[in-house]
Amino acid sequence: MLKVTINKNDCIGCGICAKQCPEGYELNDEMKAVVKNPNAPGVKEAAEACPVAAISVEGEAEPLVQKTKEEACEVKPALCDYHGVMVFAEQRGGELKKVSLELLGRARGLADELGVQVSAALLGQGVEKLAHRLIEGGADTVYVVEDPRLEKYNTHGYAKAMIELIKAEKPEIVLYGATHIGRDLAPRIAKRLDTGLTADCTELTIEAETKMLLQTRPAFGGNIMATIMCPDTRPQMSTVRPGIMKALEPDKNRKGKTVKFDAKLSDKDILTRIIEVIKERKQVANLEDAKIIVSGGRGVGSADGFKVIQKLADALNAEVGGSRVAVEKGWISKDHQVGQTGKSVRPNLYIACGISGSIQHRAGMQNSGCIVAINKDPNAMIFTVADIGLVGDLFEVIPALIEELRAAGIGQ
């Protein structure tokens, strides 16, 4: 075990150690740092971050031992009552969202590794007609919760219905899309079920030894990737970015069952009432569903420079995307941003113009069907993921490309 010593005379009460390692340190009533757990992960690193060197650490930390699923069940038998992978099947206005099918595709892979089944939770009014698409997309069972109170999304009604379903069916994993609805709904469910939630995941895998869910997400502004586990409570829950996972090809021969579930909702469960839905007139980039995306980066040079990007996008009937640099400089709005801190996309064709190809940007678009990169720098990292690379000035290459498209009868 580590021996951690804090010189209280030197401690200035800045709280950096407690912020960096809250499991290891805290501030007392005198605003001095004290040790909570000398063996907590990150204790050494937090000590090194002390600006006045008031913390000294000696010895070695005890190795972190992960329990297998069987060992965890011996400690907490209730964990073994949970089986299966459930997907919250998001729909709006009776239309199934693409992210629901993407989640089913990944859920199918996780379930096959665990030897369990996949279920989908479909909430709304008059939505049972969508169940067959979820079965074709990988679900073994679709739980349909229909109620007039759920016709339009409302936080409290949907949360109550999902909580009742989860308590009844006890899935060990529950996945939500990291959409406006998923980000609103999942944390409330996690709190009421007293379980964990990892937000904005970009990768989900099963650890071979423990059979627990490894949930990977970007952290510290996308500069590192953190892998998170939920060993002590169930279900294990994640929100997953749209466009990250790959939906399965619809299998019309797949067999599954549809089960109607009564969530026992009442008017008192609905704490807010939607009077009217007014759609925003502003056109927001729909990058997640786009077949073709033309993106610009630092090399575009200015907001005016994006006009040539728009021209190519118009010729291809594509959406316009941008790198984080382009967004931060105000050349294009945030809803166009592609990357770990923006949107993750999977179009059939992605054209990167003047984008260097940082790891954060590549992580958000590298699963595209075909990637074309245009950059003056032959050593730009974007070329490492490109299927076709064009070394040249984008302001010369793009107009020439548009002319070739017009000659071929495209973008007239």
Foldseek 3Di string as FASTA:
>chain_A
DKDKAFDQVQFPLPCQLCVQFVCFWDADPVSGIDGNDCQGPCNVVSCVVRPRNRMDMDDDHDDDDDDAQVRLCVVPVVLVVAAAEEEAFDDAQLHTDPQRLLVLQVSQVLCVLVVGFYEYEAEAAPNPVCVLQSLLQHHQEYEYEHDNVRNHDDQLVVLLLVLLVCVVRRHQEYEYALDPRRVSHVVVNCVVQVFDEAEAFLDWDADPGRRWIWTWAAPPLNPDIDTDTGSNDDRYYYHYAQARGDTDDGDSPGDHYYHYDYSPDDPVSGPDDDPDDDDDPDDFFPQRPWQEEEEEEVLLPALVSCVLSVLLCLLVVTTYAYDPRCCVVPSDDQSRYFFSVHHAYAHQEYEYEQDLDDVRRCSRYLNHNAYEYEEQDPPRPVVVSHPHYHHDRCVVVSVVVSVVSVVVVTRD
